[in-house]
Amino acid sequence: MDIIENLDDSEIIKIYRNKSFLIGRDIIYYEKNSPIQGIVVDIDDNGHLIVQDSNKIIKILKSGEVNFKW
């Protein structure tokens, strides 16, 4: 039996946040084909990335691709 089947959604998101290597990292994401630099500040309760851009504006990224450097 898969351990995840025994967890509710809030527990899964909590584990996801704790294991995420993106929180605190600088990233580049795209809006209307334009690259935007930001930092991942958290993951919301729906699993979306919460990003602060260089203008200190908070964005919720619901889908797409991000680039980062190790």
PDB file of N, CA and C in Angstrom:
ATOM      1  N   MET A   1       0.845  -1.191   0.000  1.00  0.00           N
ATOM      2  CA  MET A   1       0.000   0.000   0.000  1.00  0.00           C
ATOM      3  C   MET A   1       0.883   1.245   0.000  1.00  0.00           C
ATOM      4  N   ASP A   2       0.528   2.179  -0.835  1.00  0.00           N
ATOM      5  CA  ASP A   2       1.302   3.405  -0.967  1.00  0.00           C
ATOM      6  C   ASP A   2       1.052   4.310   0.238  1.00  0.00           C
ATOM      7  N   ILE A   3       2.123   4.824   0.835  1.00  0.00           N
ATOM      8  CA  ILE A   3       2.000   5.656   2.049  1.00  0.00           C
ATOM      9  C   ILE A   3       1.206   6.932   1.775  1.00  0.00           C
ATOM     10  N   ILE A   4       1.282   7.454   0.559  1.00  0.00           N
ATOM     11  CA  ILE A   4       0.582   8.701   0.238  1.00  0.00           C
ATOM     12  C   ILE A   4      -0.938   8.533   0.278  1.00  0.00           C
ATOM     13  N   GLU A   5      -1.424   7.325   0.075  1.00  0.00           N
ATOM     14  CA  GLU A   5      -2.867   7.085   0.130  1.00  0.00           C
ATOM     15  C   GLU A   5      -3.436   7.327   1.520  1.00  0.00           C
ATOM     16  N   ASN A   6      -2.604   7.264   2.537  1.00  0.00           N
ATOM     17  CA  ASN A   6      -3.050   7.435   3.916  1.00  0.00           C
ATOM     18  C   ASN A   6      -2.932   8.879   4.409  1.00  0.00           C
ATOM     19  N   LEU A   7      -2.518   9.793   3.550  1.00  0.00           N
ATOM     20  CA  LEU A   7      -2.344  11.188   3.940  1.00  0.00           C
ATOM     21  C   LEU A   7      -3.443  12.046   3.330  1.00  0.00           C
ATOM     22  N   ASP A   8      -3.843  13.092   4.074  1.00  0.00           N
ATOM     23  CA  ASP A   8      -4.778  14.039   3.467  1.00  0.00           C
ATOM     24  C   ASP A   8      -3.987  15.098   2.691  1.00  0.00           C
ATOM     25  N   ASP A   9      -4.700  15.917   1.929  1.00  0.00           N
ATOM     26  CA  ASP A   9      -4.045  16.884   1.050  1.00  0.00           C
ATOM     27  C   ASP A   9      -3.127  17.845   1.798  1.00  0.00           C
ATOM     28  N   SER A  10      -3.540  18.302   2.976  1.00  0.00           N
ATOM     29  CA  SER A  10      -2.714  19.268   3.714  1.00  0.00           C
ATOM     30  C   SER A  10      -1.402  18.623   4.163  1.00  0.00           C
ATOM     31  N   GLU A  11      -1.423  17.348   4.488  1.00  0.00           N
ATOM     32  CA  GLU A  11      -0.189  16.666   4.881  1.00  0.00           C
ATOM     33  C   GLU A  11       0.740  16.489   3.680  1.00  0.00           C
ATOM     34  N   ILE A  12       0.158  16.197   2.523  1.00  0.00           N
ATOM     35  CA  ILE A  12       0.962  16.051   1.308  1.00  0.00           C
ATOM     36  C   ILE A  12       1.635  17.369   0.956  1.00  0.00           C
ATOM     37  N   ILE A  13       0.894  18.477   1.015  1.00  0.00           N
ATOM     38  CA  ILE A  13       1.464  19.795   0.705  1.00  0.00           C
ATOM     39  C   ILE A  13       2.563  20.148   1.704  1.00  0.00           C
ATOM     40  N   LYS A  14       2.364  19.827   2.965  1.00  0.00           N
ATOM     41  CA  LYS A  14       3.387  20.106   3.988  1.00  0.00           C
ATOM     42  C   LYS A  14       4.681  19.358   3.664  1.00  0.00           C
ATOM     43  N   ILE A  15       4.579  18.111   3.297  1.00  0.00           N
ATOM     44  CA  ILE A  15       5.758  17.321   2.918  1.00  0.00           C
ATOM     45  C   ILE A  15       6.403  17.924   1.670  1.00  0.00           C
ATOM     46  N   TYR A  16       5.576  18.281   0.697  1.00  0.00           N
ATOM     47  CA  TYR A  16       6.062  18.890  -0.546  1.00  0.00           C
ATOM     48  C   TYR A  16       6.848  20.166  -0.257  1.00  0.00           C
ATOM     49  N   ARG A  17       6.321  21.027   0.612  1.00  0.00           N
ATOM     50  CA  ARG A  17       7.026  22.265   0.990  1.00  0.00           C
ATOM     51  C   ARG A  17       8.373  21.941   1.630  1.00  0.00           C
ATOM     52  N   ASN A  18       8.349  21.003   2.574  1.00  0.00           N
ATOM     53  CA  ASN A  18       9.579  20.667   3.304  1.00  0.00           C
ATOM     54  C   ASN A  18      10.645  20.044   2.415  1.00  0.00           C
ATOM     55  N   LYS A  19      10.242  19.362   1.372  1.00  0.00           N
ATOM     56  CA  LYS A  19      11.190  18.686   0.475  1.00  0.00           C
ATOM     57  C   LYS A  19      11.574  19.529  -0.737  1.00  0.00           C
ATOM     58  N   SER A  20      10.892  20.640  -0.955  1.00  0.00           N
ATOM     59  CA  SER A  20      11.126  21.448  -2.149  1.00  0.00           C
ATOM     60  C   SER A  20      12.523  22.069  -2.129  1.00  0.00           C
ATOM     61  N   PHE A  21      13.234  21.924  -3.246  1.00  0.00           N
ATOM     62  CA  PHE A  21      14.536  22.573  -3.382  1.00  0.00           C
ATOM     63  C   PHE A  21      14.407  23.939  -4.055  1.00  0.00           C
ATOM     64  N   LEU A  22      13.188  24.341  -4.416  1.00  0.00           N
ATOM     65  CA  LEU A  22      12.990  25.630  -5.090  1.00  0.00           C
ATOM     66  C   LEU A  22      12.782  26.785  -4.128  1.00  0.00           C
ATOM     67  N   ILE A  23      12.236  26.524  -2.944  1.00  0.00           N
ATOM     68  CA  ILE A  23      11.986  27.618  -2.003  1.00  0.00           C
ATOM     69  C   ILE A  23      13.307  28.288  -1.634  1.00  0.00           C
ATOM     70  N   GLY A  24      13.333  29.605  -1.817  1.00  0.00           N
ATOM     71  CA  GLY A  24      14.524  30.386  -1.525  1.00  0.00           C
ATOM     72  C   GLY A  24      15.458  30.553  -2.713  1.00  0.00           C
ATOM     73  N   ARG A  25      15.167  29.893  -3.815  1.00  0.00           N
ATOM     74  CA  ARG A  25      16.035  29.963  -4.996  1.00  0.00           C
ATOM     75  C   ARG A  25      15.577  31.045  -5.980  1.00  0.00           C
ATOM     76  N   ASP A  26      16.599  31.635  -6.636  1.00  0.00           N
ATOM     77  CA  ASP A  26      16.333  32.546  -7.741  1.00  0.00           C
ATOM     78  C   ASP A  26      15.915  31.717  -8.941  1.00  0.00           C
ATOM     79  N   ILE A  27      14.879  32.176  -9.620  1.00  0.00           N
ATOM     80  CA  ILE A  27      14.386  31.476 -10.806  1.00  0.00           C
ATOM     81  C   ILE A  27      14.115  32.468 -11.922  1.00  0.00           C
ATOM     82  N   ILE A  28      13.917  31.943 -13.107  1.00  0.00           N
ATOM     83  CA  ILE A  28      13.402  32.711 -14.236  1.00  0.00           C
ATOM     84  C   ILE A  28      12.154  31.982 -14.709  1.00  0.00           C
ATOM     85  N   TYR A  29      11.071  32.742 -14.855  1.00  0.00           N
ATOM     86  CA  TYR A  29       9.844  32.192 -15.411  1.00  0.00           C
ATOM     87  C   TYR A  29       9.402  33.107 -16.550  1.00  0.00           C
ATOM     88  N   TYR A  30       8.448  32.661 -17.300  1.00  0.00           N
ATOM     89  CA  TYR A  30       8.040  33.409 -18.495  1.00  0.00           C
ATOM     90  C   TYR A  30       6.593  33.849 -18.393  1.00  0.00           C
ATOM     91  N   GLU A  31       6.376  35.106 -18.761  1.00  0.00           N
ATOM     92  CA  GLU A  31       5.038  35.681 -18.843  1.00  0.00           C
ATOM     93  C   GLU A  31       4.931  36.324 -20.211  1.00  0.00           C
ATOM     94  N   LYS A  32       3.997  35.841 -21.025  1.00  0.00           N
ATOM     95  CA  LYS A  32       3.821  36.362 -22.389  1.00  0.00           C
ATOM     96  C   LYS A  32       5.135  36.318 -23.162  1.00  0.00           C
ATOM     97  N   ASN A  33       5.832  35.203 -23.037  1.00  0.00           N
ATOM     98  CA  ASN A  33       7.105  34.942 -23.726  1.00  0.00           C
ATOM     99  C   ASN A  33       8.255  35.838 -23.277  1.00  0.00           C
ATOM    100  N   SER A  34       8.086  36.579 -22.192  1.00  0.00           N
ATOM    101  CA  SER A  34       9.158  37.420 -21.668  1.00  0.00           C
ATOM    102  C   SER A  34       9.703  36.798 -20.380  1.00  0.00           C
ATOM    103  N   PRO A  35      11.033  36.698 -20.263  1.00  0.00           N
ATOM    104  CA  PRO A  35      11.615  36.136 -19.039  1.00  0.00           C
ATOM    105  C   PRO A  35      11.503  37.115 -17.871  1.00  0.00           C
ATOM    106  N   ILE A  36      11.151  36.596 -16.709  1.00  0.00           N
ATOM    107  CA  ILE A  36      11.048  37.393 -15.494  1.00  0.00           C
ATOM    108  C   ILE A  36      11.848  36.695 -14.408  1.00  0.00           C
ATOM    109  N   GLN A  37      12.678  37.477 -13.730  1.00  0.00           N
ATOM    110  CA  GLN A  37      13.492  36.926 -12.658  1.00  0.00           C
ATOM    111  C   GLN A  37      12.762  37.094 -11.334  1.00  0.00           C
ATOM    112  N   GLY A  38      12.831  36.087 -10.498  1.00  0.00           N
ATOM    113  CA  GLY A  38      12.185  36.152  -9.194  1.00  0.00           C
ATOM    114  C   GLY A  38      12.804  35.157  -8.238  1.00  0.00           C
ATOM    115  N   ILE A  39      12.243  35.103  -7.053  1.00  0.00           N
ATOM    116  CA  ILE A  39      12.678  34.153  -6.041  1.00  0.00           C
ATOM    117  C   ILE A  39      11.442  33.418  -5.530  1.00  0.00           C
ATOM    118  N   VAL A  40      11.562  32.116  -5.374  1.00  0.00           N
ATOM    119  CA  VAL A  40      10.448  31.328  -4.846  1.00  0.00           C
ATOM    120  C   VAL A  40      10.405  31.546  -3.340  1.00  0.00           C
ATOM    121  N   VAL A  41       9.284  32.056  -2.841  1.00  0.00           N
ATOM    122  CA  VAL A  41       9.169  32.337  -1.414  1.00  0.00           C
ATOM    123  C   VAL A  41       8.375  31.276  -0.664  1.00  0.00           C
ATOM    124  N   ASP A  42       7.539  30.512  -1.387  1.00  0.00           N
ATOM    125  CA  ASP A  42       6.744  29.472  -0.707  1.00  0.00           C
ATOM    126  C   ASP A  42       5.990  28.661  -1.753  1.00  0.00           C
ATOM    127  N   ILE A  43       5.233  27.700  -1.262  1.00  0.00           N
ATOM    128  CA  ILE A  43       4.304  26.913  -2.061  1.00  0.00           C
ATOM    129  C   ILE A  43       2.960  27.021  -1.370  1.00  0.00           C
ATOM    130  N   ASP A  44       1.917  27.387  -2.124  1.00  0.00           N
ATOM    131  CA  ASP A  44       0.615  27.575  -1.485  1.00  0.00           C
ATOM    132  C   ASP A  44      -0.083  26.236  -1.227  1.00  0.00           C
ATOM    133  N   ASP A  45      -1.239  26.293  -0.622  1.00  0.00           N
ATOM    134  CA  ASP A  45      -1.958  25.078  -0.229  1.00  0.00           C
ATOM    135  C   ASP A  45      -2.473  24.259  -1.409  1.00  0.00           C
ATOM    136  N   ASN A  46      -2.397  24.826  -2.613  1.00  0.00           N
ATOM    137  CA  ASN A  46      -2.792  24.105  -3.818  1.00  0.00           C
ATOM    138  C   ASN A  46      -1.588  23.549  -4.577  1.00  0.00           C
ATOM    139  N   GLY A  47      -0.384  23.773  -4.055  1.00  0.00           N
ATOM    140  CA  GLY A  47       0.831  23.281  -4.696  1.00  0.00           C
ATOM    141  C   GLY A  47       1.433  24.229  -5.708  1.00  0.00           C
ATOM    142  N   HIS A  48       0.942  25.462  -5.772  1.00  0.00           N
ATOM    143  CA  HIS A  48       1.461  26.459  -6.710  1.00  0.00           C
ATOM    144  C   HIS A  48       2.649  27.191  -6.098  1.00  0.00           C
ATOM    145  N   LEU A  49       3.595  27.568  -6.951  1.00  0.00           N
ATOM    146  CA  LEU A  49       4.742  28.340  -6.468  1.00  0.00           C
ATOM    147  C   LEU A  49       4.329  29.780  -6.195  1.00  0.00           C
ATOM    148  N   ILE A  50       4.799  30.306  -5.078  1.00  0.00           N
ATOM    149  CA  ILE A  50       4.627  31.723  -4.753  1.00  0.00           C
ATOM    150  C   ILE A  50       5.977  32.370  -4.998  1.00  0.00           C
ATOM    151  N   VAL A  51       5.992  33.331  -5.920  1.00  0.00           N
ATOM    152  CA  VAL A  51       7.237  33.941  -6.379  1.00  0.00           C
ATOM    153  C   VAL A  51       7.180  35.447  -6.175  1.00  0.00           C
ATOM    154  N   GLN A  52       8.300  36.014  -5.742  1.00  0.00           N
ATOM    155  CA  GLN A  52       8.424  37.472  -5.650  1.00  0.00           C
ATOM    156  C   GLN A  52       9.358  37.915  -6.768  1.00  0.00           C
ATOM    157  N   ASP A  53       8.875  38.814  -7.625  1.00  0.00           N
ATOM    158  CA  ASP A  53       9.716  39.265  -8.734  1.00  0.00           C
ATOM    159  C   ASP A  53      10.659  40.377  -8.284  1.00  0.00           C
ATOM    160  N   SER A  54      11.469  40.850  -9.195  1.00  0.00           N
ATOM    161  CA  SER A  54      12.484  41.856  -8.849  1.00  0.00           C
ATOM    162  C   SER A  54      11.878  43.189  -8.424  1.00  0.00           C
ATOM    163  N   ASN A  55      10.595  43.415  -8.730  1.00  0.00           N
ATOM    164  CA  ASN A  55       9.889  44.624  -8.289  1.00  0.00           C
ATOM    165  C   ASN A  55       9.149  44.410  -6.976  1.00  0.00           C
ATOM    166  N   LYS A  56       9.407  43.272  -6.318  1.00  0.00           N
ATOM    167  CA  LYS A  56       8.793  42.911  -5.029  1.00  0.00           C
ATOM    168  C   LYS A  56       7.308  42.572  -5.166  1.00  0.00           C
ATOM    169  N   ILE A  57       6.857  42.273  -6.388  1.00  0.00           N
ATOM    170  CA  ILE A  57       5.471  41.879  -6.618  1.00  0.00           C
ATOM    171  C   ILE A  57       5.359  40.371  -6.469  1.00  0.00           C
ATOM    172  N   ILE A  58       4.361  39.929  -5.711  1.00  0.00           N
ATOM    173  CA  ILE A  58       4.136  38.507  -5.476  1.00  0.00           C
ATOM    174  C   ILE A  58       3.260  37.956  -6.598  1.00  0.00           C
ATOM    175  N   LYS A  59       3.689  36.838  -7.157  1.00  0.00           N
ATOM    176  CA  LYS A  59       2.940  36.146  -8.210  1.00  0.00           C
ATOM    177  C   LYS A  59       2.708  34.703  -7.779  1.00  0.00           C
ATOM    178  N   ILE A  60       1.606  34.138  -8.215  1.00  0.00           N
ATOM    179  CA  ILE A  60       1.318  32.718  -8.010  1.00  0.00           C
ATOM    180  C   ILE A  60       1.491  32.034  -9.356  1.00  0.00           C
ATOM    181  N   LEU A  61       2.413  31.092  -9.439  1.00  0.00           N
ATOM    182  CA  LEU A  61       2.639  30.351 -10.675  1.00  0.00           C
ATOM    183  C   LEU A  61       1.893  29.032 -10.584  1.00  0.00           C
ATOM    184  N   LYS A  62       0.856  28.903 -11.391  1.00  0.00           N
ATOM    185  CA  LYS A  62      -0.005  27.723 -11.341  1.00  0.00           C
ATOM    186  C   LYS A  62       0.444  26.630 -12.294  1.00  0.00           C
ATOM    187  N   SER A  63       1.159  27.007 -13.338  1.00  0.00           N
ATOM    188  CA  SER A  63       1.658  26.018 -14.285  1.00  0.00           C
ATOM    189  C   SER A  63       2.822  26.625 -15.043  1.00  0.00           C
ATOM    190  N   GLY A  64       3.517  25.813 -15.789  1.00  0.00           N
ATOM    191  CA  GLY A  64       4.605  26.317 -16.605  1.00  0.00           C
ATOM    192  C   GLY A  64       5.938  25.742 -16.179  1.00  0.00           C
ATOM    193  N   GLU A  65       6.956  26.384 -16.657  1.00  0.00           N
ATOM    194  CA  GLU A  65       8.315  25.916 -16.454  1.00  0.00           C
ATOM    195  C   GLU A  65       9.123  27.034 -15.823  1.00  0.00           C
ATOM    196  N   VAL A  66      10.023  26.674 -14.922  1.00  0.00           N
ATOM    197  CA  VAL A  66      10.946  27.642 -14.343  1.00  0.00           C
ATOM    198  C   VAL A  66      12.366  27.148 -14.579  1.00  0.00           C
ATOM    199  N   ASN A  67      13.284  28.083 -14.661  1.00  0.00           N
ATOM    200  CA  ASN A  67      14.708  27.769 -14.772  1.00  0.00           C
ATOM    201  C   ASN A  67      15.413  28.278 -13.528  1.00  0.00           C
ATOM    202  N   PHE A  68      16.414  27.537 -13.089  1.00  0.00           N
ATOM    203  CA  PHE A  68      17.211  27.955 -11.931  1.00  0.00           C
ATOM    204  C   PHE A  68      18.621  27.447 -12.092  1.00  0.00           C
ATOM    205  N   LYS A  69      19.537  28.022 -11.330  1.00  0.00           N
ATOM    206  CA  LYS A  69      20.931  27.568 -11.328  1.00  0.00           C
ATOM    207  C   LYS A  69      21.203  26.843 -10.020  1.00  0.00           C
ATOM    208  N   TRP A  70      22.000  25.798 -10.109  1.00  0.00           N
ATOM    209  CA  TRP A  70      22.393  25.055  -8.889  1.00  0.00           C
ATOM    210  C   TRP A  70      23.383  25.834  -8.099  1.00  0.00           C
TER     211      TRP A  70
END
